[in-house]
PDB file of N, CA and C in Angstrom:
ATOM      1  N   MET A   1     -58.926-109.494 -35.441  1.00  0.00           N
ATOM      2  CA  MET A   1     -59.291-109.819 -34.080  1.00  0.00           C
ATOM      3  C   MET A   1     -60.610-110.601 -34.098  1.00  0.00           C
ATOM      4  N   ILE A   2     -60.744-111.491 -33.143  1.00  0.00           N
ATOM      5  CA  ILE A   2     -61.906-112.373 -33.044  1.00  0.00           C
ATOM      6  C   ILE A   2     -62.526-112.216 -31.667  1.00  0.00           C
ATOM      7  N   HIS A   3     -63.850-112.124 -31.622  1.00  0.00           N
ATOM      8  CA  HIS A   3     -64.547-112.091 -30.336  1.00  0.00           C
ATOM      9  C   HIS A   3     -65.405-113.337 -30.229  1.00  0.00           C
ATOM     10  N   ARG A   4     -65.112-114.178 -29.246  1.00  0.00           N
ATOM     11  CA  ARG A   4     -65.862-115.415 -29.007  1.00  0.00           C
ATOM     12  C   ARG A   4     -66.140-115.536 -27.521  1.00  0.00           C
ATOM     13  N   TYR A   5     -67.174-116.308 -27.194  1.00  0.00           N
ATOM     14  CA  TYR A   5     -67.516-116.622 -25.807  1.00  0.00           C
ATOM     15  C   TYR A   5     -67.121-118.058 -25.538  1.00  0.00           C
ATOM     16  N   PHE A   6     -66.311-118.265 -24.510  1.00  0.00           N
ATOM     17  CA  PHE A   6     -65.875-119.597 -24.106  1.00  0.00           C
ATOM     18  C   PHE A   6     -66.491-119.934 -22.756  1.00  0.00           C
ATOM     19  N   VAL A   7     -66.901-121.190 -22.588  1.00  0.00           N
ATOM     20  CA  VAL A   7     -67.557-121.637 -21.361  1.00  0.00           C
ATOM     21  C   VAL A   7     -66.771-122.800 -20.770  1.00  0.00           C
ATOM     22  N   ILE A   8     -66.593-122.745 -19.454  1.00  0.00           N
ATOM     23  CA  ILE A   8     -65.927-123.826 -18.728  1.00  0.00           C
ATOM     24  C   ILE A   8     -66.786-124.223 -17.536  1.00  0.00           C
ATOM     25  N   THR A   9     -66.548-125.402 -17.009  1.00  0.00           N
ATOM     26  CA  THR A   9     -67.222-125.784 -15.776  1.00  0.00           C
ATOM     27  C   THR A   9     -66.585-125.030 -14.615  1.00  0.00           C
ATOM     28  N   LYS A  10     -67.359-124.858 -13.575  1.00  0.00           N
ATOM     29  CA  LYS A  10     -66.951-124.062 -12.415  1.00  0.00           C
ATOM     30  C   LYS A  10     -65.596-124.519 -11.844  1.00  0.00           C
ATOM     31  N   ASP A  11     -65.353-125.813 -11.821  1.00  0.00           N
ATOM     32  CA  ASP A  11     -64.128-126.343 -11.216  1.00  0.00           C
ATOM     33  C   ASP A  11     -62.863-126.061 -12.028  1.00  0.00           C
ATOM     34  N   LYS A  12     -62.992-125.588 -13.255  1.00  0.00           N
ATOM     35  CA  LYS A  12     -61.831-125.323 -14.120  1.00  0.00           C
ATOM     36  C   LYS A  12     -61.413-123.852 -14.132  1.00  0.00           C
ATOM     37  N   LYS A  13     -62.031-123.029 -13.291  1.00  0.00           N
ATOM     38  CA  LYS A  13     -61.807-121.581 -13.344  1.00  0.00           C
ATOM     39  C   LYS A  13     -60.331-121.195 -13.178  1.00  0.00           C
ATOM     40  N   ASP A  14     -59.677-121.662 -12.137  1.00  0.00           N
ATOM     41  CA  ASP A  14     -58.282-121.263 -11.891  1.00  0.00           C
ATOM     42  C   ASP A  14     -57.372-121.717 -13.029  1.00  0.00           C
ATOM     43  N   GLU A  15     -57.560-122.944 -13.476  1.00  0.00           N
ATOM     44  CA  GLU A  15     -56.763-123.481 -14.582  1.00  0.00           C
ATOM     45  C   GLU A  15     -56.982-122.665 -15.858  1.00  0.00           C
ATOM     46  N   ALA A  16     -58.229-122.344 -16.148  1.00  0.00           N
ATOM     47  CA  ALA A  16     -58.552-121.594 -17.368  1.00  0.00           C
ATOM     48  C   ALA A  16     -57.996-120.175 -17.311  1.00  0.00           C
ATOM     49  N   ASN A  17     -58.104-119.516 -16.168  1.00  0.00           N
ATOM     50  CA  ASN A  17     -57.551-118.169 -16.043  1.00  0.00           C
ATOM     51  C   ASN A  17     -56.036-118.188 -16.211  1.00  0.00           C
ATOM     52  N   ALA A  18     -55.365-119.177 -15.656  1.00  0.00           N
ATOM     53  CA  ALA A  18     -53.915-119.286 -15.812  1.00  0.00           C
ATOM     54  C   ALA A  18     -53.553-119.513 -17.284  1.00  0.00           C
ATOM     55  N   PHE A  19     -54.310-120.366 -17.969  1.00  0.00           N
ATOM     56  CA  PHE A  19     -54.047-120.617 -19.383  1.00  0.00           C
ATOM     57  C   PHE A  19     -54.215-119.331 -20.197  1.00  0.00           C
ATOM     58  N   CYS A  20     -55.286-118.598 -19.955  1.00  0.00           N
ATOM     59  CA  CYS A  20     -55.523-117.352 -20.695  1.00  0.00           C
ATOM     60  C   CYS A  20     -54.386-116.359 -20.478  1.00  0.00           C
ATOM     61  N   ASN A  21     -53.891-116.280 -19.258  1.00  0.00           N
ATOM     62  CA  ASN A  21     -52.756-115.394 -18.988  1.00  0.00           C
ATOM     63  C   ASN A  21     -51.505-115.867 -19.716  1.00  0.00           C
ATOM     64  N   SER A  22     -51.358-117.172 -19.892  1.00  0.00           N
ATOM     65  CA  SER A  22     -50.178-117.700 -20.575  1.00  0.00           C
ATOM     66  C   SER A  22     -50.191-117.387 -22.068  1.00  0.00           C
ATOM     67  N   ILE A  23     -51.368-117.041 -22.620  1.00  0.00           N
ATOM     68  CA  ILE A  23     -51.433-116.701 -24.045  1.00  0.00           C
ATOM     69  C   ILE A  23     -51.698-115.221 -24.279  1.00  0.00           C
ATOM     70  N   GLY A  24     -51.568-114.400 -23.236  1.00  0.00           N
ATOM     71  CA  GLY A  24     -51.613-112.957 -23.429  1.00  0.00           C
ATOM     72  C   GLY A  24     -52.748-112.200 -22.783  1.00  0.00           C
ATOM     73  N   ALA A  25     -53.683-112.883 -22.139  1.00  0.00           N
ATOM     74  CA  ALA A  25     -54.723-112.165 -21.400  1.00  0.00           C
ATOM     75  C   ALA A  25     -54.109-111.619 -20.116  1.00  0.00           C
ATOM     76  N   GLU A  26     -54.780-110.682 -19.494  1.00  0.00           N
ATOM     77  CA  GLU A  26     -54.270-110.124 -18.250  1.00  0.00           C
ATOM     78  C   GLU A  26     -55.318-110.249 -17.168  1.00  0.00           C
ATOM     79  N   GLY A  27     -54.948-110.814 -16.035  1.00  0.00           N
ATOM     80  CA  GLY A  27     -55.878-110.985 -14.928  1.00  0.00           C
ATOM     81  C   GLY A  27     -56.818-112.153 -15.156  1.00  0.00           C
ATOM     82  N   ASP A  28     -57.907-112.163 -14.409  1.00  0.00           N
ATOM     83  CA  ASP A  28     -58.884-113.238 -14.546  1.00  0.00           C
ATOM     84  C   ASP A  28     -59.784-112.958 -15.732  1.00  0.00           C
ATOM     85  N   THR A  29     -59.918-113.934 -16.603  1.00  0.00           N
ATOM     86  CA  THR A  29     -60.793-113.785 -17.762  1.00  0.00           C
ATOM     87  C   THR A  29     -62.122-114.497 -17.547  1.00  0.00           C
ATOM     88  N   PHE A  30     -62.111-115.639 -16.896  1.00  0.00           N
ATOM     89  CA  PHE A  30     -63.348-116.370 -16.608  1.00  0.00           C
ATOM     90  C   PHE A  30     -63.878-115.892 -15.257  1.00  0.00           C
ATOM     91  N   THR A  31     -64.719-114.861 -15.288  1.00  0.00           N
ATOM     92  CA  THR A  31     -65.203-114.277 -14.041  1.00  0.00           C
ATOM     93  C   THR A  31     -66.725-114.239 -13.943  1.00  0.00           C
ATOM     94  N   VAL A  32     -67.431-114.429 -15.047  1.00  0.00           N
ATOM     95  CA  VAL A  32     -68.889-114.324 -15.030  1.00  0.00           C
ATOM     96  C   VAL A  32     -69.485-115.690 -14.710  1.00  0.00           C
ATOM     97  N   PRO A  33     -70.133-115.817 -13.546  1.00  0.00           N
ATOM     98  CA  PRO A  33     -70.738-117.098 -13.189  1.00  0.00           C
ATOM     99  C   PRO A  33     -72.001-117.359 -14.004  1.00  0.00           C
ATOM    100  N   LEU A  34     -72.176-118.607 -14.409  1.00  0.00           N
ATOM    101  CA  LEU A  34     -73.378-119.027 -15.121  1.00  0.00           C
ATOM    102  C   LEU A  34     -74.105-120.066 -14.283  1.00  0.00           C
ATOM    103  N   PHE A  35     -75.418-120.054 -14.379  1.00  0.00           N
ATOM    104  CA  PHE A  35     -76.259-120.888 -13.524  1.00  0.00           C
ATOM    105  C   PHE A  35     -77.175-121.777 -14.346  1.00  0.00           C
ATOM    106  N   LYS A  36     -77.417-122.961 -13.820  1.00  0.00           N
ATOM    107  CA  LYS A  36     -78.407-123.873 -14.385  1.00  0.00           C
ATOM    108  C   LYS A  36     -79.342-124.243 -13.242  1.00  0.00           C
ATOM    109  N   ASN A  37     -80.623-123.963 -13.408  1.00  0.00           N
ATOM    110  CA  ASN A  37     -81.602-124.221 -12.348  1.00  0.00           C
ATOM    111  C   ASN A  37     -81.185-123.568 -11.033  1.00  0.00           C
ATOM    112  N   GLN A  38     -80.697-122.357 -11.116  1.00  0.00           N
ATOM    113  CA  GLN A  38     -80.274-121.539  -9.982  1.00  0.00           C
ATOM    114  C   GLN A  38     -79.059-122.091  -9.231  1.00  0.00           C
ATOM    115  N   VAL A  39     -78.323-122.989  -9.850  1.00  0.00           N
ATOM    116  CA  VAL A  39     -77.098-123.535  -9.261  1.00  0.00           C
ATOM    117  C   VAL A  39     -75.913-123.079 -10.115  1.00  0.00           C
ATOM    118  N   HIS A  40     -74.905-122.524  -9.468  1.00  0.00           N
ATOM    119  CA  HIS A  40     -73.707-122.050 -10.169  1.00  0.00           C
ATOM    120  C   HIS A  40     -72.929-123.258 -10.681  1.00  0.00           C
ATOM    121  N   THR A  41     -72.864-123.404 -12.013  1.00  0.00           N
ATOM    122  CA  THR A  41     -72.230-124.576 -12.620  1.00  0.00           C
ATOM    123  C   THR A  41     -71.080-124.253 -13.561  1.00  0.00           C
ATOM    124  N   HIS A  42     -71.051-123.053 -14.144  1.00  0.00           N
ATOM    125  CA  HIS A  42     -70.086-122.707 -15.181  1.00  0.00           C
ATOM    126  C   HIS A  42     -69.615-121.263 -15.030  1.00  0.00           C
ATOM    127  N   TYR A  43     -68.565-120.952 -15.791  1.00  0.00           N
ATOM    128  CA  TYR A  43     -68.112-119.579 -16.000  1.00  0.00           C
ATOM    129  C   TYR A  43     -67.971-119.367 -17.495  1.00  0.00           C
ATOM    130  N   TRP A  44     -68.029-118.105 -17.900  1.00  0.00           N
ATOM    131  CA  TRP A  44     -67.721-117.800 -19.294  1.00  0.00           C
ATOM    132  C   TRP A  44     -66.800-116.616 -19.366  1.00  0.00           C
ATOM    133  N   THR A  45     -66.180-116.498 -20.531  1.00  0.00           N
ATOM    134  CA  THR A  45     -65.400-115.317 -20.859  1.00  0.00           C
ATOM    135  C   THR A  45     -65.712-114.948 -22.286  1.00  0.00           C
ATOM    136  N   GLY A  46     -65.698-113.689 -22.558  1.00  0.00           N
ATOM    137  CA  GLY A  46     -65.840-113.196 -23.915  1.00  0.00           C
ATOM    138  C   GLY A  46     -64.842-112.074 -24.099  1.00  0.00           C
ATOM    139  N   TRP A  47     -63.883-112.267 -24.972  1.00  0.00           N
ATOM    140  CA  TRP A  47     -62.889-111.215 -25.155  1.00  0.00           C
ATOM    141  C   TRP A  47     -62.408-111.164 -26.595  1.00  0.00           C
ATOM    142  N   LEU A  48     -61.892-110.013 -26.960  1.00  0.00           N
ATOM    143  CA  LEU A  48     -61.363-109.780 -28.293  1.00  0.00           C
ATOM    144  C   LEU A  48     -59.939-110.312 -28.325  1.00  0.00           C
ATOM    145  N   MET A  49     -59.711-111.311 -29.167  1.00  0.00           N
ATOM    146  CA  MET A  49     -58.412-111.978 -29.178  1.00  0.00           C
ATOM    147  C   MET A  49     -57.853-112.050 -30.592  1.00  0.00           C
ATOM    148  N   THR A  50     -56.572-112.286 -30.660  1.00  0.00           N
ATOM    149  CA  THR A  50     -55.937-112.470 -31.958  1.00  0.00           C
ATOM    150  C   THR A  50     -56.330-113.841 -32.510  1.00  0.00           C
ATOM    151  N   THR A  51     -56.065-114.052 -33.775  1.00  0.00           N
ATOM    152  CA  THR A  51     -56.342-115.352 -34.386  1.00  0.00           C
ATOM    153  C   THR A  51     -55.556-116.446 -33.678  1.00  0.00           C
ATOM    154  N   GLU A  52     -54.317-116.184 -33.357  1.00  0.00           N
ATOM    155  CA  GLU A  52     -53.484-117.172 -32.656  1.00  0.00           C
ATOM    156  C   GLU A  52     -54.060-117.508 -31.280  1.00  0.00           C
ATOM    157  N   GLN A  53     -54.473-116.485 -30.534  1.00  0.00           N
ATOM    158  CA  GLN A  53     -55.087-116.737 -29.231  1.00  0.00           C
ATOM    159  C   GLN A  53     -56.371-117.548 -29.387  1.00  0.00           C
ATOM    160  N   TYR A  54     -57.179-117.192 -30.393  1.00  0.00           N
ATOM    161  CA  TYR A  54     -58.415-117.936 -30.625  1.00  0.00           C
ATOM    162  C   TYR A  54     -58.120-119.411 -30.903  1.00  0.00           C
ATOM    163  N   LEU A  55     -57.152-119.682 -31.756  1.00  0.00           N
ATOM    164  CA  LEU A  55     -56.828-121.075 -32.088  1.00  0.00           C
ATOM    165  C   LEU A  55     -56.362-121.842 -30.854  1.00  0.00           C
ATOM    166  N   GLN A  56     -55.578-121.202 -30.013  1.00  0.00           N
ATOM    167  CA  GLN A  56     -55.141-121.856 -28.781  1.00  0.00           C
ATOM    168  C   GLN A  56     -56.307-122.099 -27.832  1.00  0.00           C
ATOM    169  N   MET A  57     -57.182-121.113 -27.703  1.00  0.00           N
ATOM    170  CA  MET A  57     -58.364-121.263 -26.848  1.00  0.00           C
ATOM    171  C   MET A  57     -59.287-122.351 -27.384  1.00  0.00           C
ATOM    172  N   ALA A  58     -59.564-122.325 -28.679  1.00  0.00           N
ATOM    173  CA  ALA A  58     -60.489-123.292 -29.280  1.00  0.00           C
ATOM    174  C   ALA A  58     -59.936-124.710 -29.208  1.00  0.00           C
ATOM    175  N   ASN A  59     -58.625-124.841 -29.234  1.00  0.00           N
ATOM    176  CA  ASN A  59     -58.012-126.158 -29.102  1.00  0.00           C
ATOM    177  C   ASN A  59     -58.175-126.694 -27.683  1.00  0.00           C
ATOM    178  N   LYS A  60     -58.120-125.816 -26.702  1.00  0.00           N
ATOM    179  CA  LYS A  60     -58.205-126.227 -25.297  1.00  0.00           C
ATOM    180  C   LYS A  60     -59.641-126.239 -24.783  1.00  0.00           C
ATOM    181  N   TYR A  61     -60.439-125.271 -25.192  1.00  0.00           N
ATOM    182  CA  TYR A  61     -61.823-125.131 -24.712  1.00  0.00           C
ATOM    183  C   TYR A  61     -62.762-125.123 -25.910  1.00  0.00           C
ATOM    184  N   THR A  62     -63.315-126.276 -26.204  1.00  0.00           N
ATOM    185  CA  THR A  62     -64.098-126.417 -27.430  1.00  0.00           C
ATOM    186  C   THR A  62     -65.497-125.836 -27.330  1.00  0.00           C
ATOM    187  N   THR A  63     -65.973-125.553 -26.120  1.00  0.00           N
ATOM    188  CA  THR A  63     -67.305-124.976 -25.960  1.00  0.00           C
ATOM    189  C   THR A  63     -67.208-123.472 -26.119  1.00  0.00           C
ATOM    190  N   ASN A  64     -67.432-123.000 -27.361  1.00  0.00           N
ATOM    191  CA  ASN A  64     -67.359-121.571 -27.619  1.00  0.00           C
ATOM    192  C   ASN A  64     -68.400-121.170 -28.655  1.00  0.00           C
ATOM    193  N   PHE A  65     -68.794-119.919 -28.591  1.00  0.00           N
ATOM    194  CA  PHE A  65     -69.916-119.423 -29.367  1.00  0.00           C
ATOM    195  C   PHE A  65     -69.647-118.026 -29.902  1.00  0.00           C
ATOM    196  N   ASP A  66     -70.451-117.626 -30.897  1.00  0.00           N
ATOM    197  CA  ASP A  66     -70.323-116.300 -31.511  1.00  0.00           C
ATOM    198  C   ASP A  66     -70.843-115.175 -30.638  1.00  0.00           C
ATOM    199  N   ASN A  67     -71.908-115.438 -29.875  1.00  0.00           N
ATOM    200  CA  ASN A  67     -72.491-114.357 -29.082  1.00  0.00           C
ATOM    201  C   ASN A  67     -73.063-114.900 -27.781  1.00  0.00           C
ATOM    202  N   TYR A  68     -73.362-113.999 -26.880  1.00  0.00           N
ATOM    203  CA  TYR A  68     -73.772-114.427 -25.549  1.00  0.00           C
ATOM    204  C   TYR A  68     -75.134-115.110 -25.542  1.00  0.00           C
ATOM    205  N   MET A  69     -76.066-114.659 -26.382  1.00  0.00           N
ATOM    206  CA  MET A  69     -77.394-115.293 -26.398  1.00  0.00           C
ATOM    207  C   MET A  69     -77.312-116.731 -26.906  1.00  0.00           C
ATOM    208  N   GLU A  70     -76.515-116.962 -27.936  1.00  0.00           N
ATOM    209  CA  GLU A  70     -76.314-118.319 -28.448  1.00  0.00           C
ATOM    210  C   GLU A  70     -75.725-119.206 -27.354  1.00  0.00           C
ATOM    211  N   THR A  71     -74.793-118.663 -26.603  1.00  0.00           N
ATOM    212  CA  THR A  71     -74.166-119.400 -25.515  1.00  0.00           C
ATOM    213  C   THR A  71     -75.199-119.841 -24.492  1.00  0.00           C
ATOM    214  N   LEU A  72     -75.983-118.894 -24.004  1.00  0.00           N
ATOM    215  CA  LEU A  72     -76.961-119.192 -22.961  1.00  0.00           C
ATOM    216  C   LEU A  72     -78.047-120.139 -23.461  1.00  0.00           C
ATOM    217  N   GLU A  73     -78.577-119.874 -24.640  1.00  0.00           N
ATOM    218  CA  GLU A  73     -79.655-120.705 -25.173  1.00  0.00           C
ATOM    219  C   GLU A  73     -79.193-122.127 -25.471  1.00  0.00           C
ATOM    220  N   THR A  74     -78.039-122.278 -26.060  1.00  0.00           N
ATOM    221  CA  THR A  74     -77.539-123.606 -26.420  1.00  0.00           C
ATOM    222  C   THR A  74     -77.261-124.461 -25.190  1.00  0.00           C
ATOM    223  N   LEU A  75     -76.689-123.856 -24.160  1.00  0.00           N
ATOM    224  CA  LEU A  75     -76.312-124.615 -22.964  1.00  0.00           C
ATOM    225  C   LEU A  75     -77.378-124.603 -21.873  1.00  0.00           C
ATOM    226  N   GLY A  76     -78.429-123.825 -22.068  1.00  0.00           N
ATOM    227  CA  GLY A  76     -79.488-123.751 -21.063  1.00  0.00           C
ATOM    228  C   GLY A  76     -79.018-123.131 -19.766  1.00  0.00           C
ATOM    229  N   LEU A  77     -78.189-122.093 -19.873  1.00  0.00           N
ATOM    230  CA  LEU A  77     -77.626-121.434 -18.699  1.00  0.00           C
ATOM    231  C   LEU A  77     -78.176-120.024 -18.567  1.00  0.00           C
ATOM    232  N   GLU A  78     -78.012-119.455 -17.367  1.00  0.00           N
ATOM    233  CA  GLU A  78     -78.401-118.075 -17.087  1.00  0.00           C
ATOM    234  C   GLU A  78     -77.213-117.350 -16.474  1.00  0.00           C
ATOM    235  N   VAL A  79     -77.178-116.035 -16.661  1.00  0.00           N
ATOM    236  CA  VAL A  79     -76.089-115.228 -16.115  1.00  0.00           C
ATOM    237  C   VAL A  79     -76.264-115.005 -14.626  1.00  0.00           C
ATOM    238  N   LYS A  80     -77.494-114.893 -14.145  1.00  0.00           N
ATOM    239  CA  LYS A  80     -77.723-114.687 -12.717  1.00  0.00           C
ATOM    240  C   LYS A  80     -78.954-115.465 -12.292  1.00  0.00           C
ATOM    241  N   ASN A  81     -79.462-115.155 -11.136  1.00  0.00           N
ATOM    242  CA  ASN A  81     -80.631-115.822 -10.556  1.00  0.00           C
ATOM    243  C   ASN A  81     -80.269-117.099  -9.825  1.00  0.00           C
ATOM    244  N   GLY A  82     -79.092-117.146  -9.277  1.00  0.00           N
ATOM    245  CA  GLY A  82     -78.698-118.320  -8.523  1.00  0.00           C
ATOM    246  C   GLY A  82     -77.753-117.967  -7.405  1.00  0.00           C
ATOM    247  N   ASP A  83     -77.378-118.942  -6.635  1.00  0.00           N
ATOM    248  CA  ASP A  83     -76.433-118.776  -5.550  1.00  0.00           C
ATOM    249  C   ASP A  83     -75.023-118.950  -6.098  1.00  0.00           C
ATOM    250  N   ASP A  84     -74.162-117.968  -5.893  1.00  0.00           N
ATOM    251  CA  ASP A  84     -72.805-117.995  -6.452  1.00  0.00           C
ATOM    252  C   ASP A  84     -71.916-119.029  -5.778  1.00  0.00           C
ATOM    253  N   GLU A  85     -72.333-119.662  -4.769  1.00  0.00           N
ATOM    254  CA  GLU A  85     -71.514-120.682  -4.109  1.00  0.00           C
ATOM    255  C   GLU A  85     -72.022-121.993  -4.531  1.00  0.00           C
TER     256      GLU A  85
END
């Protein structure tokens, strides 16, 4: 099993959640809003997946990281402190 953090832009949330469900996730996976300069710009997901699921995710969503701190620091994002709209 592999645990990775994937990041998408805010406008891709519905598409990304549907894709994750098509490869075996259940429900919404991209639910955590990320902010840049207090503006909601991205979502992330971090879940334990099979190698096959990881390969499918990495092929579709190339912005992925080993851990949450690497994700936030590399992209200059924050988990909160912004307006969710």
